[in-house]
Amino acid sequence: MRVWLQQPSGPVEAWYLPAHDTTAGPAVIFAHGNAELIDDWTSLGDLRRLGLSVLLVEFPGYGLSQGKPSRRAVQGAFLAGYDWLVSQSEVDPERVVVMGRSIGGAIVTELAARRSVRGLILLSTFSSLSRLAWESFRAPGFLIGDYFDNAKVLRSFPGPVLLVHGRRDDVIPFSHARALARAHPRAELIQLECGHNDCPGDWPAFVSTVASFLTANSIIQPQGEAGAEQL
C-alpha cells in the first residue's frame, strides 16, 4: 500500500505493509541507506510473519518523493510517517520499533529521540557523523557540526538496542558499532563477516535475529503462540 506523506516541499512516498493480524500489534519503521530506495527493501515484508506491520519511508528527493534530502526534510518525513503509522487501528503505539541502515540508522535514532519508540535496530551505522568524517576524511568535526551523534542519543534511550555490523565494513568501520554498544547498557551487538553494502548477507538468519531480539524484549510473542505466525 502506497502512502503519501504531505510535507512543505511536496509529498513523500512511503510503503505500508500491514501485518496479517488485524488486532493492534507491533510495527517497525525503516530508513534505508544513502544510495538506496525503499524499492530495494521489499524483503522487509518478511517481518510481517512475526506479526509486525512495516512502514518504509522514502527520503525527500529520492524515488517518487518531492523535495530535497536535507536533514530537516528527512526528519520531517519520518516524523510524519511515525504519526501516520500510530494512527492505524492495527498498530499498537506502545510497540513501535525503528530500524535503519547506514545513514538511515542515524535518521531513526533521531526519530527515537523525538517520538515514543519501544526498540531500536541499527544496521551498519556510525556512532557520530563527526567521528566518521574525521576517520574517513580527516575533517575536523567542528566543520560539519556534531550532527547525528547516535551514541549520545543511545546513552539516554530507555529501550533495548540491537546493533548489526560487518567486521569487514570499510565505509563505516566496525569500531563504530563497538562505540554504540558501549553507549547503551542494554545494547546487543551482532558481528557479521561482511562489509558495508553486502550486510546482512544471510537474510533468513537476520530475520531470525530480529525475531529473537523482539521476543526477548516482549515486543512480539514467541513464535507459535497466539497472535504470532510461524516463519
Protein backbone atom coordinates (compact mmCIF):
# COMPACT_ATOMS: atom_id res chain seq x y z
CA MET A 1 0.00 0.00 0.00
CA ARG A 2 1.46 3.35 -1.05
CA VAL A 3 1.07 6.24 1.38
CA TRP A 4 1.79 9.88 0.59
CA LEU A 5 3.11 11.92 3.49
CA GLN A 6 2.36 15.58 2.91
CA GLN A 7 5.36 17.83 3.57
CA PRO A 8 6.07 21.55 2.94
CA SER A 9 8.28 20.71 -0.05
CA GLY A 10 5.81 18.22 -1.52
CA PRO A 11 4.51 14.70 -0.91
CA VAL A 12 6.90 11.98 0.29
CA GLU A 13 6.32 8.38 -0.70
CA ALA A 14 6.03 5.58 1.84
CA TRP A 15 5.09 1.92 1.53
CA TYR A 16 2.95 0.34 4.20
CA LEU A 17 2.87 -3.44 4.64
CA PRO A 18 0.31 -4.21 7.36
CA ALA A 19 0.56 -7.31 9.48
CA HIS A 20 -1.75 -10.16 8.61
CA ASP A 21 -3.34 -10.00 12.08
CA THR A 22 -5.90 -7.17 12.28
CA THR A 23 -5.66 -6.77 16.07
CA ALA A 24 -3.42 -3.98 17.36
CA GLY A 25 0.16 -5.23 17.23
CA PRO A 26 3.77 -4.13 16.87
CA ALA A 27 5.18 -2.22 13.91
CA VAL A 28 8.54 -1.19 12.50
CA ILE A 29 9.59 1.95 10.64
CA PHE A 30 12.57 1.52 8.33
CA ALA A 31 15.09 4.01 6.90
CA HIS A 32 17.43 2.87 4.12
CA GLY A 33 20.99 3.90 3.29
CA ASN A 34 22.18 6.79 1.13
CA ALA A 35 22.41 5.11 -2.29
CA GLU A 36 19.20 3.10 -1.86
CA LEU A 37 15.46 3.39 -2.31
CA ILE A 38 12.54 1.83 -0.48
CA ASP A 39 12.13 -0.29 -3.62
CA ASP A 40 15.32 -2.14 -2.61
CA TRP A 41 13.84 -3.29 0.70
CA THR A 42 10.65 -5.15 -0.16
CA SER A 43 12.18 -8.16 1.62
CA LEU A 44 11.28 -6.41 4.88
CA GLY A 45 7.79 -7.68 4.19
CA ASP A 46 9.09 -10.93 5.70
CA LEU A 47 8.79 -9.26 9.10
CA ARG A 48 5.01 -9.48 8.79
CA ARG A 49 5.40 -13.18 9.54
CA LEU A 50 6.45 -12.08 13.02
CA GLY A 51 3.21 -10.14 13.44
CA LEU A 52 4.79 -6.79 12.55
CA SER A 53 3.37 -4.09 10.33
CA VAL A 54 6.13 -2.42 8.28
CA LEU A 55 6.41 1.20 7.10
CA LEU A 56 9.18 2.10 4.64
CA VAL A 57 9.59 5.87 4.36
CA GLU A 58 11.39 7.32 1.35
CA PHE A 59 13.76 10.28 1.63
CA PRO A 60 12.56 13.58 0.13
CA GLY A 61 14.09 13.89 -3.33
CA TYR A 62 14.54 10.12 -3.66
CA GLY A 63 12.40 7.89 -5.86
CA LEU A 64 8.96 9.44 -6.38
CA SER A 65 9.26 11.79 -3.40
CA GLN A 66 9.39 15.51 -3.98
CA GLY A 67 11.69 17.98 -2.24
CA LYS A 68 15.37 17.83 -1.40
CA PRO A 69 17.04 15.44 1.09
CA SER A 70 18.14 17.92 3.74
CA ARG A 71 18.42 16.79 7.32
CA ARG A 72 15.33 18.79 8.29
CA ALA A 73 13.29 17.49 5.35
CA VAL A 74 14.17 13.85 6.03
CA GLN A 75 13.45 14.31 9.72
CA GLY A 76 10.06 15.86 8.91
CA ALA A 77 9.16 12.97 6.61
CA PHE A 78 9.93 10.36 9.25
CA LEU A 79 8.08 12.25 11.96
CA ALA A 80 5.06 12.37 9.65
CA GLY A 81 5.49 8.67 8.90
CA TYR A 82 5.55 7.81 12.59
CA ASP A 83 2.47 9.92 13.32
CA TRP A 84 0.59 8.29 10.44
CA LEU A 85 1.62 4.79 11.50
CA VAL A 86 0.48 5.06 15.12
CA SER A 87 -2.93 6.29 13.92
CA GLN A 88 -3.61 2.94 12.23
CA SER A 89 -6.01 0.67 14.10
CA GLU A 90 -3.84 -2.43 13.61
CA VAL A 91 -0.79 -0.78 15.21
CA ASP A 92 -0.08 -0.71 18.94
CA PRO A 93 1.60 2.69 19.58
CA GLU A 94 3.38 1.18 22.59
CA ARG A 95 5.21 -1.37 20.40
CA VAL A 96 6.74 0.67 17.60
CA VAL A 97 10.31 -0.27 16.69
CA VAL A 98 12.57 1.73 14.38
CA MET A 99 15.23 0.22 12.13
CA GLY A 100 17.79 1.92 9.91
CA ARG A 101 20.80 1.04 7.79
CA SER A 102 23.90 3.23 7.45
CA ILE A 103 22.73 6.89 7.35
CA GLY A 104 19.22 5.53 7.87
CA GLY A 105 20.34 4.37 11.30
CA ALA A 106 21.06 7.98 12.22
CA ILE A 107 17.67 9.07 10.93
CA VAL A 108 15.73 6.57 13.03
CA THR A 109 17.93 7.29 16.06
CA GLU A 110 16.84 10.93 15.78
CA LEU A 111 13.26 9.75 15.46
CA ALA A 112 13.66 7.71 18.65
CA ALA A 113 14.77 10.88 20.42
CA ARG A 114 11.59 12.70 19.35
CA ARG A 115 8.88 10.07 19.50
CA SER A 116 7.97 7.17 21.77
CA VAL A 117 9.84 4.14 20.44
CA ARG A 118 9.95 0.71 22.07
CA GLY A 119 13.17 -0.57 20.44
CA LEU A 120 15.96 0.47 18.10
CA ILE A 121 17.69 -1.67 15.44
CA LEU A 122 20.78 -0.22 13.75
CA LEU A 123 22.49 -1.86 10.77
CA SER A 124 25.99 -0.71 9.77
CA THR A 125 25.51 2.65 11.47
CA PHE A 126 28.12 5.19 12.62
CA SER A 127 28.46 6.37 16.21
CA SER A 128 28.62 10.03 15.17
CA LEU A 129 28.98 11.85 11.88
CA SER A 130 31.83 14.00 13.20
CA ARG A 131 33.84 10.91 14.17
CA LEU A 132 33.20 9.27 10.79
CA ALA A 133 34.23 12.44 8.95
CA TRP A 134 37.48 12.61 10.90
CA GLU A 135 38.34 8.95 10.43
CA SER A 136 37.43 8.83 6.75
CA PHE A 137 38.43 12.27 5.52
CA ARG A 138 40.46 13.74 8.40
CA ALA A 139 37.96 16.60 8.50
CA PRO A 140 37.66 18.31 11.90
CA GLY A 141 34.31 17.57 13.50
CA PHE A 142 33.54 21.25 14.09
CA LEU A 143 33.42 21.82 10.32
CA ILE A 144 30.31 19.69 9.96
CA GLY A 145 28.86 20.21 13.42
CA ASP A 146 28.01 17.46 15.84
CA TYR A 147 25.01 16.31 13.83
CA PHE A 148 23.82 12.74 14.03
CA ASP A 149 25.51 11.90 17.33
CA ASN A 150 23.93 8.48 17.64
CA ALA A 151 26.00 7.43 20.63
CA LYS A 152 24.76 10.46 22.56
CA VAL A 153 21.13 9.55 21.88
CA LEU A 154 21.72 5.94 22.88
CA ARG A 155 23.04 6.99 26.29
CA SER A 156 19.57 8.22 27.24
CA PHE A 157 17.41 5.89 25.16
CA PRO A 158 15.30 3.79 27.57
CA GLY A 159 14.51 0.86 25.30
CA PRO A 160 16.54 -2.10 24.02
CA VAL A 161 19.00 -1.72 21.15
CA LEU A 162 20.12 -4.24 18.53
CA LEU A 163 23.31 -3.47 16.58
CA VAL A 164 24.22 -5.46 13.46
CA HIS A 165 27.53 -4.64 11.80
CA GLY A 166 30.02 -6.25 9.43
CA ARG A 167 33.55 -6.74 10.67
CA ARG A 168 34.89 -6.02 7.16
CA ASP A 169 32.97 -2.76 6.74
CA ASP A 170 35.35 -0.29 5.05
CA VAL A 171 32.79 2.53 4.85
CA ILE A 172 31.71 2.66 8.49
CA PRO A 173 34.34 0.73 10.44
CA PHE A 174 33.30 -1.88 12.98
CA SER A 175 34.73 0.34 15.74
CA HIS A 176 31.61 2.49 15.39
CA ALA A 177 29.44 -0.47 16.36
CA ARG A 178 31.59 -1.03 19.44
CA ALA A 179 31.23 2.65 20.38
CA LEU A 180 27.45 2.42 20.04
CA ALA A 181 27.41 -0.74 22.15
CA ARG A 182 29.38 1.00 24.90
CA ALA A 183 26.89 3.88 24.88
CA HIS A 184 23.90 1.73 25.87
CA PRO A 185 23.79 -0.78 28.75
CA ARG A 186 21.19 -2.97 27.02
CA ALA A 187 22.70 -2.97 23.54
CA GLU A 188 23.14 -6.33 21.82
CA LEU A 189 25.91 -6.35 19.20
CA ILE A 190 25.80 -8.92 16.38
CA GLN A 191 29.08 -9.22 14.46
CA LEU A 192 28.82 -10.49 10.88
CA GLU A 193 31.52 -11.46 8.40
CA CYS A 194 30.54 -8.96 5.73
CA GLY A 195 31.34 -5.47 4.52
CA HIS A 196 29.04 -2.46 4.19
CA ASN A 197 26.85 -2.97 1.15
CA ASP A 198 26.63 -6.77 1.44
CA CYS A 199 25.47 -6.79 5.05
CA PRO A 200 23.45 -8.58 6.31
CA GLY A 201 24.19 -11.29 3.75
CA ASP A 202 22.12 -14.16 5.15
CA TRP A 203 18.61 -12.69 5.14
CA PRO A 204 16.75 -15.56 6.86
CA ALA A 205 19.36 -15.53 9.63
CA PHE A 206 18.90 -11.78 10.02
CA VAL A 207 15.12 -12.14 10.30
CA SER A 208 15.67 -14.80 12.97
CA THR A 209 18.00 -12.42 14.83
CA VAL A 210 15.35 -9.70 14.76
CA ALA A 211 12.72 -12.19 15.94
CA SER A 212 14.89 -13.25 18.89
CA PHE A 213 15.57 -9.62 19.85
CA LEU A 214 11.90 -8.64 19.70
CA THR A 215 10.80 -11.74 21.58
CA ALA A 216 13.40 -11.31 24.34
CA ASN A 217 12.15 -7.76 24.89
CA SER A 218 8.43 -8.70 24.89
CA ILE A 219 7.69 -6.74 21.71
CA ILE A 220 6.38 -9.83 19.93
CA GLN A 221 5.19 -13.13 21.33
CA PRO A 222 7.29 -16.25 20.95
CA GLN A 223 6.68 -17.94 17.62
CA GLY A 224 3.89 -20.46 17.79
CA GLU A 225 1.87 -18.63 20.46
CA ALA A 226 -1.42 -16.97 19.72
CA GLY A 227 -1.05 -13.79 17.68
CA ALA A 228 2.32 -14.73 16.16
CA GLU A 229 2.83 -16.60 12.89
CA GLN A 230 5.36 -19.26 12.14
CA LEU A 231 8.31 -18.38 9.94
